[in-house]
Amino acid sequence: MQSQWLPIHQGMGLRLSGKLPAQPEGGYWQLQVIYHSPLAMLTGTLTPRQLVVGGAQGMRYIIRGTSITEHGSSDGPLVSDSLPAVEVERTVLTPEDQ
């Protein structure tokens, strides 16, 4: 899976793309994206270790085939919540127009 920051004129978000390996019948993928709000960090209202977008668990998604469903923080825990996060290199997440 590839990640790409979109420049401000394209919505200034994170684009995830790529093909995931097939899962057995009934299987699914869990994706958790944890990132800080750059605007909130610039204003000094949070530090790199507190308050991420989506709450403490970040933004979580369930991927079944071609269906992607957001799993809200109030929807309960996921198996992936107990796994360590894999940090993506900062150079990969630099907006293209910078």
PDB file of N, CA and C in Angstrom:
ATOM      1  N   MET A   1       0.852  -1.172   0.000  1.00  0.00           N
ATOM      2  CA  MET A   1       0.000   0.000   0.000  1.00  0.00           C
ATOM      3  C   MET A   1       0.895   1.232   0.000  1.00  0.00           C
ATOM      4  N   GLN A   2       0.539   2.211  -0.809  1.00  0.00           N
ATOM      5  CA  GLN A   2       1.297   3.450  -0.893  1.00  0.00           C
ATOM      6  C   GLN A   2       0.510   4.573  -0.221  1.00  0.00           C
ATOM      7  N   SER A   3       1.243   5.535   0.350  1.00  0.00           N
ATOM      8  CA  SER A   3       0.599   6.703   0.945  1.00  0.00           C
ATOM      9  C   SER A   3       1.171   7.951   0.293  1.00  0.00           C
ATOM     10  N   GLN A   4       0.320   8.967   0.172  1.00  0.00           N
ATOM     11  CA  GLN A   4       0.733  10.202  -0.485  1.00  0.00           C
ATOM     12  C   GLN A   4      -0.062  11.357   0.112  1.00  0.00           C
ATOM     13  N   TRP A   5       0.642  12.399   0.572  1.00  0.00           N
ATOM     14  CA  TRP A   5      -0.036  13.605   1.023  1.00  0.00           C
ATOM     15  C   TRP A   5      -0.497  14.378  -0.196  1.00  0.00           C
ATOM     16  N   LEU A   6      -1.712  14.846  -0.149  1.00  0.00           N
ATOM     17  CA  LEU A   6      -2.247  15.664  -1.241  1.00  0.00           C
ATOM     18  C   LEU A   6      -1.977  17.131  -0.942  1.00  0.00           C
ATOM     19  N   PRO A   7      -1.579  17.908  -1.932  1.00  0.00           N
ATOM     20  CA  PRO A   7      -1.367  19.335  -1.721  1.00  0.00           C
ATOM     21  C   PRO A   7      -2.695  20.031  -1.425  1.00  0.00           C
ATOM     22  N   ILE A   8      -2.601  21.237  -0.904  1.00  0.00           N
ATOM     23  CA  ILE A   8      -3.792  21.960  -0.452  1.00  0.00           C
ATOM     24  C   ILE A   8      -4.828  22.120  -1.566  1.00  0.00           C
ATOM     25  N   HIS A   9      -4.409  22.330  -2.811  1.00  0.00           N
ATOM     26  CA  HIS A   9      -5.378  22.515  -3.900  1.00  0.00           C
ATOM     27  C   HIS A   9      -6.087  21.211  -4.277  1.00  0.00           C
ATOM     28  N   GLN A  10      -5.654  20.076  -3.711  1.00  0.00           N
ATOM     29  CA  GLN A  10      -6.333  18.795  -3.939  1.00  0.00           C
ATOM     30  C   GLN A  10      -7.015  18.290  -2.665  1.00  0.00           C
ATOM     31  N   GLY A  11      -7.140  19.152  -1.667  1.00  0.00           N
ATOM     32  CA  GLY A  11      -7.844  18.772  -0.454  1.00  0.00           C
ATOM     33  C   GLY A  11      -6.976  18.569   0.766  1.00  0.00           C
ATOM     34  N   MET A  12      -5.656  18.611   0.603  1.00  0.00           N
ATOM     35  CA  MET A  12      -4.700  18.486   1.706  1.00  0.00           C
ATOM     36  C   MET A  12      -5.035  17.316   2.619  1.00  0.00           C
ATOM     37  N   GLY A  13      -5.083  16.147   2.060  1.00  0.00           N
ATOM     38  CA  GLY A  13      -5.371  14.942   2.825  1.00  0.00           C
ATOM     39  C   GLY A  13      -4.346  13.872   2.544  1.00  0.00           C
ATOM     40  N   LEU A  14      -4.620  12.700   3.008  1.00  0.00           N
ATOM     41  CA  LEU A  14      -3.738  11.561   2.814  1.00  0.00           C
ATOM     42  C   LEU A  14      -4.420  10.578   1.871  1.00  0.00           C
ATOM     43  N   ARG A  15      -3.736  10.223   0.789  1.00  0.00           N
ATOM     44  CA  ARG A  15      -4.280   9.252  -0.161  1.00  0.00           C
ATOM     45  C   ARG A  15      -3.549   7.927   0.046  1.00  0.00           C
ATOM     46  N   LEU A  16      -4.317   6.893   0.302  1.00  0.00           N
ATOM     47  CA  LEU A  16      -3.772   5.543   0.412  1.00  0.00           C
ATOM     48  C   LEU A  16      -4.222   4.778  -0.814  1.00  0.00           C
ATOM     49  N   SER A  17      -3.298   4.111  -1.470  1.00  0.00           N
ATOM     50  CA  SER A  17      -3.656   3.372  -2.671  1.00  0.00           C
ATOM     51  C   SER A  17      -2.826   2.104  -2.763  1.00  0.00           C
ATOM     52  N   GLY A  18      -3.288   1.216  -3.589  1.00  0.00           N
ATOM     53  CA  GLY A  18      -2.561  -0.029  -3.795  1.00  0.00           C
ATOM     54  C   GLY A  18      -3.485  -1.221  -3.669  1.00  0.00           C
ATOM     55  N   LYS A  19      -2.959  -2.360  -4.000  1.00  0.00           N
ATOM     56  CA  LYS A  19      -3.744  -3.587  -3.960  1.00  0.00           C
ATOM     57  C   LYS A  19      -3.331  -4.400  -2.738  1.00  0.00           C
ATOM     58  N   LEU A  20      -4.304  -4.850  -1.994  1.00  0.00           N
ATOM     59  CA  LEU A  20      -4.036  -5.693  -0.832  1.00  0.00           C
ATOM     60  C   LEU A  20      -4.112  -7.158  -1.234  1.00  0.00           C
ATOM     61  N   PRO A  21      -3.308  -8.001  -0.618  1.00  0.00           N
ATOM     62  CA  PRO A  21      -3.419  -9.438  -0.903  1.00  0.00           C
ATOM     63  C   PRO A  21      -4.820  -9.948  -0.573  1.00  0.00           C
ATOM     64  N   ALA A  22      -5.277 -10.932  -1.322  1.00  0.00           N
ATOM     65  CA  ALA A  22      -6.614 -11.501  -1.096  1.00  0.00           C
ATOM     66  C   ALA A  22      -6.690 -12.139   0.289  1.00  0.00           C
ATOM     67  N   GLN A  23      -7.849 -12.074   0.872  1.00  0.00           N
ATOM     68  CA  GLN A  23      -8.125 -12.705   2.162  1.00  0.00           C
ATOM     69  C   GLN A  23      -9.003 -13.925   1.923  1.00  0.00           C
ATOM     70  N   PRO A  24      -8.905 -14.934   2.784  1.00  0.00           N
ATOM     71  CA  PRO A  24      -9.817 -16.072   2.645  1.00  0.00           C
ATOM     72  C   PRO A  24     -11.263 -15.620   2.867  1.00  0.00           C
ATOM     73  N   GLU A  25     -12.206 -16.410   2.420  1.00  0.00           N
ATOM     74  CA  GLU A  25     -13.636 -16.089   2.580  1.00  0.00           C
ATOM     75  C   GLU A  25     -13.918 -15.685   4.023  1.00  0.00           C
ATOM     76  N   GLY A  26     -14.540 -14.535   4.194  1.00  0.00           N
ATOM     77  CA  GLY A  26     -14.879 -14.038   5.525  1.00  0.00           C
ATOM     78  C   GLY A  26     -13.756 -13.232   6.165  1.00  0.00           C
ATOM     79  N   GLY A  27     -12.572 -13.228   5.565  1.00  0.00           N
ATOM     80  CA  GLY A  27     -11.442 -12.476   6.115  1.00  0.00           C
ATOM     81  C   GLY A  27     -11.529 -11.002   5.751  1.00  0.00           C
ATOM     82  N   TYR A  28     -10.801 -10.183   6.460  1.00  0.00           N
ATOM     83  CA  TYR A  28     -10.802  -8.753   6.183  1.00  0.00           C
ATOM     84  C   TYR A  28      -9.504  -8.130   6.673  1.00  0.00           C
ATOM     85  N   TRP A  29      -9.249  -6.923   6.220  1.00  0.00           N
ATOM     86  CA  TRP A  29      -8.097  -6.147   6.647  1.00  0.00           C
ATOM     87  C   TRP A  29      -8.556  -5.074   7.616  1.00  0.00           C
ATOM     88  N   GLN A  30      -7.684  -4.725   8.554  1.00  0.00           N
ATOM     89  CA  GLN A  30      -7.918  -3.603   9.447  1.00  0.00           C
ATOM     90  C   GLN A  30      -6.809  -2.591   9.180  1.00  0.00           C
ATOM     91  N   LEU A  31      -7.192  -1.347   8.959  1.00  0.00           N
ATOM     92  CA  LEU A  31      -6.221  -0.289   8.695  1.00  0.00           C
ATOM     93  C   LEU A  31      -6.396   0.794   9.745  1.00  0.00           C
ATOM     94  N   GLN A  32      -5.302   1.185  10.361  1.00  0.00           N
ATOM     95  CA  GLN A  32      -5.331   2.236  11.369  1.00  0.00           C
ATOM     96  C   GLN A  32      -4.354   3.321  10.934  1.00  0.00           C
ATOM     97  N   VAL A  33      -4.841   4.550  10.824  1.00  0.00           N
ATOM     98  CA  VAL A  33      -4.006   5.680  10.420  1.00  0.00           C
ATOM     99  C   VAL A  33      -3.979   6.664  11.577  1.00  0.00           C
ATOM    100  N   ILE A  34      -2.778   6.905  12.089  1.00  0.00           N
ATOM    101  CA  ILE A  34      -2.624   7.820  13.224  1.00  0.00           C
ATOM    102  C   ILE A  34      -1.786   9.004  12.755  1.00  0.00           C
ATOM    103  N   TYR A  35      -2.342  10.195  12.822  1.00  0.00           N
ATOM    104  CA  TYR A  35      -1.557  11.377  12.471  1.00  0.00           C
ATOM    105  C   TYR A  35      -2.066  12.581  13.246  1.00  0.00           C
ATOM    106  N   HIS A  36      -1.193  13.565  13.389  1.00  0.00           N
ATOM    107  CA  HIS A  36      -1.495  14.780  14.135  1.00  0.00           C
ATOM    108  C   HIS A  36      -2.025  15.850  13.194  1.00  0.00           C
ATOM    109  N   SER A  37      -2.817  16.747  13.745  1.00  0.00           N
ATOM    110  CA  SER A  37      -3.319  17.872  12.965  1.00  0.00           C
ATOM    111  C   SER A  37      -2.222  18.931  12.869  1.00  0.00           C
ATOM    112  N   PRO A  38      -1.666  19.165  11.669  1.00  0.00           N
ATOM    113  CA  PRO A  38      -0.609  20.172  11.542  1.00  0.00           C
ATOM    114  C   PRO A  38      -1.062  21.559  11.993  1.00  0.00           C
ATOM    115  N   LEU A  39      -2.308  21.924  11.715  1.00  0.00           N
ATOM    116  CA  LEU A  39      -2.815  23.237  12.102  1.00  0.00           C
ATOM    117  C   LEU A  39      -2.832  23.380  13.619  1.00  0.00           C
ATOM    118  N   ALA A  40      -3.322  22.344  14.311  1.00  0.00           N
ATOM    119  CA  ALA A  40      -3.357  22.397  15.775  1.00  0.00           C
ATOM    120  C   ALA A  40      -1.946  22.449  16.352  1.00  0.00           C
ATOM    121  N   MET A  41      -1.004  21.756  15.736  1.00  0.00           N
ATOM    122  CA  MET A  41       0.374  21.792  16.223  1.00  0.00           C
ATOM    123  C   MET A  41       0.993  23.168  16.006  1.00  0.00           C
ATOM    124  N   LEU A  42       0.683  23.819  14.874  1.00  0.00           N
ATOM    125  CA  LEU A  42       1.226  25.152  14.606  1.00  0.00           C
ATOM    126  C   LEU A  42       0.711  26.178  15.602  1.00  0.00           C
ATOM    127  N   THR A  43      -0.529  26.023  16.047  1.00  0.00           N
ATOM    128  CA  THR A  43      -1.101  26.971  17.003  1.00  0.00           C
ATOM    129  C   THR A  43      -0.687  26.675  18.433  1.00  0.00           C
ATOM    130  N   GLY A  44      -0.001  25.539  18.644  1.00  0.00           N
ATOM    131  CA  GLY A  44       0.477  25.197  19.979  1.00  0.00           C
ATOM    132  C   GLY A  44      -0.568  24.576  20.880  1.00  0.00           C
ATOM    133  N   THR A  45      -1.706  24.150  20.337  1.00  0.00           N
ATOM    134  CA  THR A  45      -2.756  23.570  21.172  1.00  0.00           C
ATOM    135  C   THR A  45      -2.526  22.098  21.480  1.00  0.00           C
ATOM    136  N   LEU A  46      -1.547  21.473  20.838  1.00  0.00           N
ATOM    137  CA  LEU A  46      -1.206  20.095  21.173  1.00  0.00           C
ATOM    138  C   LEU A  46       0.260  19.838  20.874  1.00  0.00           C
ATOM    139  N   THR A  47       0.751  18.754  21.411  1.00  0.00           N
ATOM    140  CA  THR A  47       2.143  18.368  21.215  1.00  0.00           C
ATOM    141  C   THR A  47       2.177  17.105  20.371  1.00  0.00           C
ATOM    142  N   PRO A  48       3.352  16.718  19.858  1.00  0.00           N
ATOM    143  CA  PRO A  48       3.424  15.512  19.031  1.00  0.00           C
ATOM    144  C   PRO A  48       2.958  14.234  19.731  1.00  0.00           C
ATOM    145  N   ARG A  49       2.876  14.228  21.051  1.00  0.00           N
ATOM    146  CA  ARG A  49       2.487  13.013  21.767  1.00  0.00           C
ATOM    147  C   ARG A  49       1.032  13.015  22.232  1.00  0.00           C
ATOM    148  N   GLN A  50       0.253  14.023  21.878  1.00  0.00           N
ATOM    149  CA  GLN A  50      -1.137  14.046  22.321  1.00  0.00           C
ATOM    150  C   GLN A  50      -2.081  14.436  21.192  1.00  0.00           C
ATOM    151  N   LEU A  51      -3.311  14.036  21.326  1.00  0.00           N
ATOM    152  CA  LEU A  51      -4.398  14.393  20.423  1.00  0.00           C
ATOM    153  C   LEU A  51      -4.106  14.190  18.939  1.00  0.00           C
ATOM    154  N   VAL A  52      -4.383  13.021  18.461  1.00  0.00           N
ATOM    155  CA  VAL A  52      -4.238  12.742  17.037  1.00  0.00           C
ATOM    156  C   VAL A  52      -5.598  12.853  16.369  1.00  0.00           C
ATOM    157  N   VAL A  53      -5.604  13.021  15.055  1.00  0.00           N
ATOM    158  CA  VAL A  53      -6.855  13.069  14.309  1.00  0.00           C
ATOM    159  C   VAL A  53      -7.574  11.734  14.485  1.00  0.00           C
ATOM    160  N   GLY A  54      -8.823  11.768  14.887  1.00  0.00           N
ATOM    161  CA  GLY A  54      -9.585  10.541  15.115  1.00  0.00           C
ATOM    162  C   GLY A  54      -9.538  10.062  16.555  1.00  0.00           C
ATOM    163  N   GLY A  55      -8.870  10.803  17.451  1.00  0.00           N
ATOM    164  CA  GLY A  55      -8.768  10.374  18.845  1.00  0.00           C
ATOM    165  C   GLY A  55      -7.543   9.500  19.070  1.00  0.00           C
ATOM    166  N   ALA A  56      -7.451   8.919  20.248  1.00  0.00           N
ATOM    167  CA  ALA A  56      -6.273   8.142  20.635  1.00  0.00           C
ATOM    168  C   ALA A  56      -5.986   6.974  19.695  1.00  0.00           C
ATOM    169  N   GLN A  57      -7.018   6.413  19.067  1.00  0.00           N
ATOM    170  CA  GLN A  57      -6.827   5.280  18.156  1.00  0.00           C
ATOM    171  C   GLN A  57      -6.660   5.716  16.698  1.00  0.00           C
ATOM    172  N   GLY A  58      -6.732   7.013  16.430  1.00  0.00           N
ATOM    173  CA  GLY A  58      -6.602   7.492  15.054  1.00  0.00           C
ATOM    174  C   GLY A  58      -7.841   7.148  14.236  1.00  0.00           C
ATOM    175  N   MET A  59      -7.683   7.105  12.941  1.00  0.00           N
ATOM    176  CA  MET A  59      -8.771   6.734  12.030  1.00  0.00           C
ATOM    177  C   MET A  59      -8.618   5.251  11.716  1.00  0.00           C
ATOM    178  N   ARG A  60      -9.690   4.477  11.916  1.00  0.00           N
ATOM    179  CA  ARG A  60      -9.617   3.028  11.713  1.00  0.00           C
ATOM    180  C   ARG A  60     -10.643   2.600  10.676  1.00  0.00           C
ATOM    181  N   TYR A  61     -10.229   1.653   9.835  1.00  0.00           N
ATOM    182  CA  TYR A  61     -11.080   1.194   8.744  1.00  0.00           C
ATOM    183  C   TYR A  61     -11.068  -0.326   8.663  1.00  0.00           C
ATOM    184  N   ILE A  62     -12.203  -0.886   8.244  1.00  0.00           N
ATOM    185  CA  ILE A  62     -12.329  -2.314   7.959  1.00  0.00           C
ATOM    186  C   ILE A  62     -12.443  -2.437   6.438  1.00  0.00           C
ATOM    187  N   ILE A  63     -11.606  -3.265   5.832  1.00  0.00           N
ATOM    188  CA  ILE A  63     -11.621  -3.454   4.378  1.00  0.00           C
ATOM    189  C   ILE A  63     -12.007  -4.894   4.088  1.00  0.00           C
ATOM    190  N   ARG A  64     -13.185  -5.066   3.473  1.00  0.00           N
ATOM    191  CA  ARG A  64     -13.681  -6.389   3.055  1.00  0.00           C
ATOM    192  C   ARG A  64     -13.884  -6.350   1.548  1.00  0.00           C
ATOM    193  N   GLY A  65     -13.021  -7.032   0.812  1.00  0.00           N
ATOM    194  CA  GLY A  65     -13.123  -6.990  -0.651  1.00  0.00           C
ATOM    195  C   GLY A  65     -12.913  -5.577  -1.146  1.00  0.00           C
ATOM    196  N   THR A  66     -13.924  -4.998  -1.802  1.00  0.00           N
ATOM    197  CA  THR A  66     -13.827  -3.621  -2.291  1.00  0.00           C
ATOM    198  C   THR A  66     -14.585  -2.642  -1.396  1.00  0.00           C
ATOM    199  N   SER A  67     -15.109  -3.124  -0.276  1.00  0.00           N
ATOM    200  CA  SER A  67     -15.871  -2.289   0.651  1.00  0.00           C
ATOM    201  C   SER A  67     -14.967  -1.796   1.782  1.00  0.00           C
ATOM    202  N   ILE A  68     -14.984  -0.479   2.024  1.00  0.00           N
ATOM    203  CA  ILE A  68     -14.201   0.122   3.103  1.00  0.00           C
ATOM    204  C   ILE A  68     -15.164   0.827   4.042  1.00  0.00           C
ATOM    205  N   THR A  69     -15.128   0.458   5.318  1.00  0.00           N
ATOM    206  CA  THR A  69     -16.019   1.024   6.329  1.00  0.00           C
ATOM    207  C   THR A  69     -15.192   1.639   7.445  1.00  0.00           C
ATOM    208  N   GLU A  70     -15.518   2.885   7.825  1.00  0.00           N
ATOM    209  CA  GLU A  70     -14.820   3.500   8.954  1.00  0.00           C
ATOM    210  C   GLU A  70     -15.286   2.844  10.247  1.00  0.00           C
ATOM    211  N   HIS A  71     -14.340   2.571  11.134  1.00  0.00           N
ATOM    212  CA  HIS A  71     -14.644   1.993  12.440  1.00  0.00           C
ATOM    213  C   HIS A  71     -14.392   3.090  13.471  1.00  0.00           C
ATOM    214  N   GLY A  72     -15.453   3.704  13.964  1.00  0.00           N
ATOM    215  CA  GLY A  72     -15.332   4.810  14.900  1.00  0.00           C
ATOM    216  C   GLY A  72     -14.776   4.400  16.251  1.00  0.00           C
ATOM    217  N   SER A  73     -14.215   5.363  16.972  1.00  0.00           N
ATOM    218  CA  SER A  73     -13.649   5.093  18.294  1.00  0.00           C
ATOM    219  C   SER A  73     -14.684   4.517  19.248  1.00  0.00           C
ATOM    220  N   SER A  74     -15.947   4.913  19.080  1.00  0.00           N
ATOM    221  CA  SER A  74     -17.000   4.420  19.972  1.00  0.00           C
ATOM    222  C   SER A  74     -17.551   3.064  19.533  1.00  0.00           C
ATOM    223  N   ASP A  75     -17.041   2.507  18.421  1.00  0.00           N
ATOM    224  CA  ASP A  75     -17.517   1.212  17.921  1.00  0.00           C
ATOM    225  C   ASP A  75     -16.836   0.023  18.589  1.00  0.00           C
ATOM    226  N   GLY A  76     -15.964   0.289  19.543  1.00  0.00           N
ATOM    227  CA  GLY A  76     -15.295  -0.796  20.265  1.00  0.00           C
ATOM    228  C   GLY A  76     -13.910  -1.096  19.721  1.00  0.00           C
ATOM    229  N   PRO A  77     -13.182  -1.976  20.416  1.00  0.00           N
ATOM    230  CA  PRO A  77     -11.807  -2.278  20.023  1.00  0.00           C
ATOM    231  C   PRO A  77     -11.722  -3.177  18.790  1.00  0.00           C
ATOM    232  N   LEU A  78     -10.580  -3.109  18.134  1.00  0.00           N
ATOM    233  CA  LEU A  78     -10.251  -3.985  17.015  1.00  0.00           C
ATOM    234  C   LEU A  78      -9.010  -4.792  17.393  1.00  0.00           C
ATOM    235  N   VAL A  79      -8.804  -5.904  16.726  1.00  0.00           N
ATOM    236  CA  VAL A  79      -7.608  -6.712  16.969  1.00  0.00           C
ATOM    237  C   VAL A  79      -6.354  -5.874  16.742  1.00  0.00           C
ATOM    238  N   SER A  80      -6.379  -5.036  15.716  1.00  0.00           N
ATOM    239  CA  SER A  80      -5.203  -4.224  15.378  1.00  0.00           C
ATOM    240  C   SER A  80      -4.854  -3.200  16.455  1.00  0.00           C
ATOM    241  N   ASP A  81      -5.782  -2.886  17.353  1.00  0.00           N
ATOM    242  CA  ASP A  81      -5.502  -1.918  18.412  1.00  0.00           C
ATOM    243  C   ASP A  81      -4.377  -2.383  19.329  1.00  0.00           C
ATOM    244  N   SER A  82      -4.188  -3.684  19.455  1.00  0.00           N
ATOM    245  CA  SER A  82      -3.166  -4.208  20.362  1.00  0.00           C
ATOM    246  C   SER A  82      -1.813  -4.420  19.675  1.00  0.00           C
ATOM    247  N   LEU A  83      -1.740  -4.154  18.378  1.00  0.00           N
ATOM    248  CA  LEU A  83      -0.491  -4.335  17.637  1.00  0.00           C
ATOM    249  C   LEU A  83       0.301  -3.032  17.612  1.00  0.00           C
ATOM    250  N   PRO A  84       1.631  -3.119  17.540  1.00  0.00           N
ATOM    251  CA  PRO A  84       2.429  -1.891  17.478  1.00  0.00           C
ATOM    252  C   PRO A  84       2.226  -1.173  16.146  1.00  0.00           C
ATOM    253  N   ALA A  85       2.287   0.145  16.189  1.00  0.00           N
ATOM    254  CA  ALA A  85       2.140   0.947  14.972  1.00  0.00           C
ATOM    255  C   ALA A  85       3.430   0.895  14.164  1.00  0.00           C
ATOM    256  N   VAL A  86       3.305   0.987  12.854  1.00  0.00           N
ATOM    257  CA  VAL A  86       4.458   1.043  11.957  1.00  0.00           C
ATOM    258  C   VAL A  86       4.554   2.470  11.437  1.00  0.00           C
ATOM    259  N   GLU A  87       5.613   3.151  11.799  1.00  0.00           N
ATOM    260  CA  GLU A  87       5.755   4.544  11.391  1.00  0.00           C
ATOM    261  C   GLU A  87       6.231   4.629   9.944  1.00  0.00           C
ATOM    262  N   VAL A  88       5.607   5.518   9.199  1.00  0.00           N
ATOM    263  CA  VAL A  88       5.974   5.755   7.802  1.00  0.00           C
ATOM    264  C   VAL A  88       7.021   6.864   7.775  1.00  0.00           C
ATOM    265  N   GLU A  89       8.025   6.733   6.923  1.00  0.00           N
ATOM    266  CA  GLU A  89       9.075   7.749   6.826  1.00  0.00           C
ATOM    267  C   GLU A  89       8.477   9.107   6.482  1.00  0.00           C
ATOM    268  N   ARG A  90       8.974  10.154   7.139  1.00  0.00           N
ATOM    269  CA  ARG A  90       8.463  11.506   6.911  1.00  0.00           C
ATOM    270  C   ARG A  90       8.604  11.941   5.455  1.00  0.00           C
ATOM    271  N   THR A  91       9.640  11.493   4.770  1.00  0.00           N
ATOM    272  CA  THR A  91       9.836  11.897   3.375  1.00  0.00           C
ATOM    273  C   THR A  91       8.706  11.395   2.491  1.00  0.00           C
ATOM    274  N   VAL A  92       8.088  10.285   2.860  1.00  0.00           N
ATOM    275  CA  VAL A  92       6.973   9.736   2.092  1.00  0.00           C
ATOM    276  C   VAL A  92       5.730  10.596   2.275  1.00  0.00           C
ATOM    277  N   LEU A  93       5.630  11.269   3.413  1.00  0.00           N
ATOM    278  CA  LEU A  93       4.423  12.022   3.743  1.00  0.00           C
ATOM    279  C   LEU A  93       4.561  13.526   3.529  1.00  0.00           C
ATOM    280  N   THR A  94       5.542  13.956   2.772  1.00  0.00           N
ATOM    281  CA  THR A  94       5.709  15.375   2.479  1.00  0.00           C
ATOM    282  C   THR A  94       4.827  15.747   1.290  1.00  0.00           C
ATOM    283  N   PRO A  95       3.998  16.805   1.430  1.00  0.00           N
ATOM    284  CA  PRO A  95       3.151  17.203   0.297  1.00  0.00           C
ATOM    285  C   PRO A  95       3.982  17.440  -0.955  1.00  0.00           C
ATOM    286  N   GLU A  96       3.425  17.086  -2.109  1.00  0.00           N
ATOM    287  CA  GLU A  96       4.157  17.178  -3.369  1.00  0.00           C
ATOM    288  C   GLU A  96       4.523  18.606  -3.754  1.00  0.00           C
ATOM    289  N   ASP A  97       3.747  19.588  -3.315  1.00  0.00           N
ATOM    290  CA  ASP A  97       4.024  20.962  -3.738  1.00  0.00           C
ATOM    291  C   ASP A  97       5.024  21.660  -2.827  1.00  0.00           C
ATOM    292  N   GLN A  98       5.711  20.927  -1.963  1.00  0.00           N
ATOM    293  CA  GLN A  98       6.714  21.545  -1.081  1.00  0.00           C
ATOM    294  C   GLN A  98       8.094  21.073  -1.427  1.00  0.00           C
TER     295      GLN A  98
END
